N, C-alpha and C. Protein backbone atom coordinates (compact mmCIF):
# COMPACT_ATOMS: atom_id res chain seq x y z
N MET A 1 88.58 120.96 85.60
CA MET A 1 89.77 120.19 85.11
C MET A 1 89.84 119.85 84.30
N PRO A 2 91.43 121.00 83.63
CA PRO A 2 91.65 120.13 81.74
C PRO A 2 92.13 118.75 82.08
N ASP A 3 91.82 118.23 80.94
CA ASP A 3 92.47 116.86 80.32
C ASP A 3 91.94 115.75 81.55
N SER A 4 90.73 116.17 81.68
CA SER A 4 90.11 115.01 83.15
C SER A 4 89.82 113.83 82.08
N SER A 5 90.08 112.71 82.83
CA SER A 5 90.60 111.35 82.53
C SER A 5 89.30 110.46 83.73
N GLU A 6 88.40 109.56 83.03
CA GLU A 6 87.70 109.03 83.71
C GLU A 6 88.28 107.40 83.53
N ILE A 7 89.03 106.74 84.65
CA ILE A 7 89.28 105.28 84.12
C ILE A 7 88.06 104.27 85.20
N ILE A 8 87.80 103.29 84.28
CA ILE A 8 87.02 101.87 85.54
C ILE A 8 87.99 101.09 85.20
N GLY A 9 88.10 100.22 86.59
CA GLY A 9 89.17 99.40 86.47
C GLY A 9 88.51 98.39 87.62
N THR A 10 89.61 97.82 88.43
CA THR A 10 89.98 97.00 89.46
C THR A 10 90.70 97.63 90.69
N PHE A 11 90.23 97.95 91.67
CA PHE A 11 90.86 98.25 93.28
C PHE A 11 92.06 97.36 93.18
N GLY A 12 93.29 97.93 93.64
CA GLY A 12 94.58 97.53 94.02
C GLY A 12 94.84 98.12 95.24
N GLY A 13 95.37 97.83 96.16
CA GLY A 13 96.14 98.41 97.40
C GLY A 13 97.11 96.90 98.32
N ASP A 14 98.13 97.38 98.69
CA ASP A 14 98.64 96.85 99.49
C ASP A 14 99.27 97.03 100.58
N GLU A 15 100.16 96.24 101.59
CA GLU A 15 100.69 96.55 102.96
C GLU A 15 101.47 97.78 103.39
N ALA A 16 101.74 98.37 101.93
CA ALA A 16 103.02 99.04 102.32
C ALA A 16 102.05 100.44 101.81
N GLY A 17 101.01 100.68 101.52
CA GLY A 17 99.84 101.68 101.46
C GLY A 17 99.93 102.20 99.79
N CYS A 18 100.10 101.89 99.63
CA CYS A 18 99.88 101.84 98.01
C CYS A 18 98.64 101.92 97.74
N GLU A 19 98.06 102.63 96.77
CA GLU A 19 96.25 102.17 96.44
C GLU A 19 96.92 102.59 94.45
N TRP A 20 95.82 101.43 93.64
CA TRP A 20 95.86 101.61 92.24
C TRP A 20 94.24 101.29 91.92
N VAL A 21 94.21 101.72 90.35
CA VAL A 21 93.15 100.88 89.99
C VAL A 21 93.90 100.67 88.71
N GLU A 22 93.52 99.32 87.83
CA GLU A 22 93.73 98.47 87.29
C GLU A 22 92.75 98.27 86.20
N SER A 23 93.38 99.22 85.23
CA SER A 23 92.61 98.90 83.66
C SER A 23 93.28 98.74 82.44
N ASN A 24 92.77 97.54 81.90
CA ASN A 24 93.03 96.79 80.55
C ASN A 24 95.08 96.79 80.84
N GLY A 25 95.54 96.52 81.91
CA GLY A 25 96.75 96.07 82.17
C GLY A 25 97.63 96.84 82.56
N THR A 26 96.89 98.23 83.02
CA THR A 26 97.88 99.39 83.66
C THR A 26 97.46 99.76 84.82
N ARG A 27 98.41 99.62 85.48
CA ARG A 27 98.16 100.36 86.88
C ARG A 27 98.21 101.72 87.00
N TYR A 28 97.80 102.45 87.39
CA TYR A 28 97.68 103.89 87.90
C TYR A 28 96.94 104.03 89.39
N GLU A 29 98.22 104.44 89.93
CA GLU A 29 98.26 104.83 91.66
C GLU A 29 97.40 106.23 91.56
N PHE A 30 96.58 106.66 92.48
CA PHE A 30 95.86 107.83 92.67
C PHE A 30 95.80 108.55 94.07
N PHE A 31 96.01 109.30 93.86
CA PHE A 31 95.59 110.34 95.11
C PHE A 31 94.53 111.33 95.38
N GLY A 32 94.45 111.94 96.29
CA GLY A 32 93.30 112.58 96.44
C GLY A 32 91.97 111.72 96.43
N PRO A 33 90.82 112.37 96.48
CA PRO A 33 90.55 113.64 96.80
C PRO A 33 90.41 114.17 98.64
N GLY A 34 90.84 113.16 99.34
CA GLY A 34 90.61 113.33 100.51
C GLY A 34 89.57 113.15 101.45
N THR A 35 88.96 112.25 100.61
CA THR A 35 87.29 111.88 101.40
C THR A 35 87.70 110.37 101.83
N TYR A 36 88.58 109.74 101.81
CA TYR A 36 88.52 108.38 101.62
C TYR A 36 89.66 108.28 102.56
N GLU A 37 89.80 107.50 103.27
CA GLU A 37 91.27 106.61 103.87
C GLU A 37 91.85 105.36 103.17
N LEU A 38 92.79 105.07 103.41
CA LEU A 38 93.27 103.34 102.70
C LEU A 38 93.69 102.93 103.75
N PHE A 39 92.64 101.55 104.01
CA PHE A 39 93.09 100.76 105.46
C PHE A 39 93.84 99.63 104.83
N PHE A 40 95.34 99.54 105.07
CA PHE A 40 96.04 98.45 104.28
C PHE A 40 96.18 97.69 105.67
N ARG A 41 96.10 97.76 106.86
CA ARG A 41 96.58 96.76 108.15
C ARG A 41 94.73 95.82 107.95
N THR A 42 94.17 96.20 107.13
CA THR A 42 92.86 95.31 107.17
C THR A 42 92.93 94.18 105.75
N THR A 43 92.18 92.78 105.98
CA THR A 43 92.34 92.03 105.32
C THR A 43 90.74 91.88 104.56
N PRO A 44 90.66 91.59 103.20
CA PRO A 44 91.72 92.69 102.52
C PRO A 44 91.64 93.91 102.63
N VAL A 45 92.41 94.57 102.22
CA VAL A 45 93.01 96.11 102.49
C VAL A 45 91.48 96.83 101.24
N SER A 46 91.28 97.93 102.11
CA SER A 46 90.03 98.35 101.52
C SER A 46 90.33 99.89 101.30
N LEU A 47 89.45 100.77 101.09
CA LEU A 47 89.49 102.19 101.45
C LEU A 47 88.01 102.51 101.90
N GLN A 48 87.84 103.34 102.81
CA GLN A 48 87.13 103.62 103.72
C GLN A 48 86.73 105.24 103.79
N ASP A 49 84.95 105.95 103.48
CA ASP A 49 85.20 107.55 103.82
C ASP A 49 85.26 107.56 105.38
N TYR A 50 85.07 108.76 105.74
CA TYR A 50 85.90 109.17 106.81
C TYR A 50 84.69 108.69 107.88
N THR A 51 83.58 108.09 107.76
CA THR A 51 82.48 107.10 108.49
C THR A 51 82.54 106.17 108.71
N GLY A 52 83.69 105.30 108.22
CA GLY A 52 83.57 103.48 108.11
C GLY A 52 83.04 103.07 107.08
N GLN A 53 82.49 103.46 106.59
CA GLN A 53 81.80 103.41 105.49
C GLN A 53 82.88 102.31 103.98
N VAL A 54 82.60 101.34 103.99
CA VAL A 54 84.10 100.85 102.80
C VAL A 54 83.02 101.22 101.88
N LEU A 55 84.24 101.63 100.76
CA LEU A 55 83.90 102.33 99.58
C LEU A 55 84.09 100.72 98.44
N VAL A 56 85.44 100.20 98.74
CA VAL A 56 86.35 99.11 97.80
C VAL A 56 86.74 98.63 98.85
N ARG A 57 87.12 97.45 98.14
CA ARG A 57 87.93 96.55 98.70
C ARG A 57 89.04 95.62 97.53
N VAL A 58 90.12 95.00 97.75
CA VAL A 58 90.95 94.63 96.51
C VAL A 58 90.11 93.74 96.02
N GLY A 59 90.30 94.36 94.27
CA GLY A 59 89.53 93.49 93.58
C GLY A 59 88.18 93.53 93.35
N ASP A 60 87.70 94.77 94.08
CA ASP A 60 86.10 95.52 93.95
C ASP A 60 86.82 96.00 92.35
N PRO A 61 85.31 96.63 91.55
CA PRO A 61 85.73 97.81 90.63
C PRO A 61 85.45 99.12 90.90
N ILE A 62 86.37 100.18 90.38
CA ILE A 62 86.42 101.26 91.00
C ILE A 62 86.55 102.38 89.96
N ARG A 63 85.71 103.55 89.93
CA ARG A 63 86.02 104.63 89.32
C ARG A 63 86.80 105.39 89.68
N VAL A 64 87.61 106.16 88.73
CA VAL A 64 88.60 107.10 89.23
C VAL A 64 88.88 108.25 88.25
N VAL A 65 87.95 109.40 88.89
CA VAL A 65 87.92 110.66 87.93
C VAL A 65 88.87 111.48 88.42
N GLY A 66 89.85 112.15 87.03
CA GLY A 66 90.48 112.91 87.51
C GLY A 66 92.14 113.45 86.19
N GLN A 67 92.88 113.87 86.52
CA GLN A 67 94.06 114.46 85.38
C GLN A 67 95.53 113.49 85.45
N VAL A 68 95.15 112.41 84.52
CA VAL A 68 96.37 111.53 84.36
C VAL A 68 97.48 112.02 84.55
N ALA A 69 98.50 112.15 84.75
CA ALA A 69 100.02 112.73 85.11
C ALA A 69 100.79 111.90 84.21
N GLY A 70 101.76 112.37 83.50
CA GLY A 70 103.16 112.15 83.09
C GLY A 70 103.95 111.73 84.23
N VAL A 71 104.40 111.55 84.85
CA VAL A 71 105.28 111.60 85.72
C VAL A 71 104.84 110.41 86.97
N PRO A 72 106.07 110.11 87.31
CA PRO A 72 105.35 108.91 88.95
C PRO A 72 105.43 109.89 89.59
N GLY A 73 104.62 109.10 90.76
CA GLY A 73 103.91 109.42 91.79
C GLY A 73 104.62 109.26 92.71
N SER A 74 104.15 108.17 93.75
CA SER A 74 105.42 108.06 94.94
C SER A 74 106.28 106.98 95.13
N GLY A 75 106.34 106.00 93.80
CA GLY A 75 107.20 105.42 93.21
C GLY A 75 106.50 103.94 93.65
N CYS A 76 105.10 103.71 94.30
CA CYS A 76 104.27 102.73 94.45
C CYS A 76 103.89 102.26 92.88
N GLN A 77 103.64 102.87 91.61
CA GLN A 77 103.37 102.39 90.35
C GLN A 77 103.90 103.68 89.04
N PRO A 78 103.87 103.38 87.94
CA PRO A 78 104.89 103.90 87.20
C PRO A 78 103.58 104.73 86.81
N ASN A 79 103.08 104.86 86.57
CA ASN A 79 101.87 106.14 86.31
C ASN A 79 100.68 106.69 87.17
N PHE A 80 100.62 107.83 87.51
CA PHE A 80 99.06 107.97 88.27
C PHE A 80 98.32 108.94 88.13
N ILE A 81 97.20 109.32 88.91
CA ILE A 81 96.22 109.95 88.63
C ILE A 81 96.46 110.94 89.73
N LEU A 82 96.16 112.22 89.37
CA LEU A 82 95.11 113.34 91.18
C LEU A 82 93.87 113.46 90.58
N ALA A 83 92.89 112.61 91.59
CA ALA A 83 92.06 111.71 91.40
C ALA A 83 91.00 113.54 91.89
N THR A 84 89.83 113.78 91.34
CA THR A 84 88.85 114.50 91.59
C THR A 84 87.74 114.07 92.06
N GLU A 85 87.80 112.43 91.83
CA GLU A 85 86.68 111.39 92.19
C GLU A 85 87.04 109.95 92.52
N VAL A 86 86.87 109.37 93.56
CA VAL A 86 86.85 108.28 93.10
C VAL A 86 85.29 107.12 94.09
N SER A 87 84.69 106.28 93.39
CA SER A 87 83.79 105.70 93.74
C SER A 87 83.51 104.84 93.06
N ALA A 88 82.79 103.92 93.66
CA ALA A 88 82.26 101.98 93.41
C ALA A 88 81.69 102.82 91.94
N PRO A 89 81.58 101.98 90.62
CA PRO A 89 80.88 102.41 89.23
C PRO A 89 79.86 101.90 89.13
């Protein structure tokens, strides 16, 4: 993927269904890669794979790799990244 970036930060998510990685005071909403599901009705909010394995919970470190886009995504955060990989660092 051209201009691929790696962002390591803290996972955030909320009851509205928004998910982001926060790094150096900047929040990046992320989309893809389709290998996880956001569980926003759990406490704390978590990302789980399709087997039910928790990848990260709000406040956990997270690594997101993908292309940072210059325009807003869904409106959850002003910055977003089209992710090709999401994992715990």
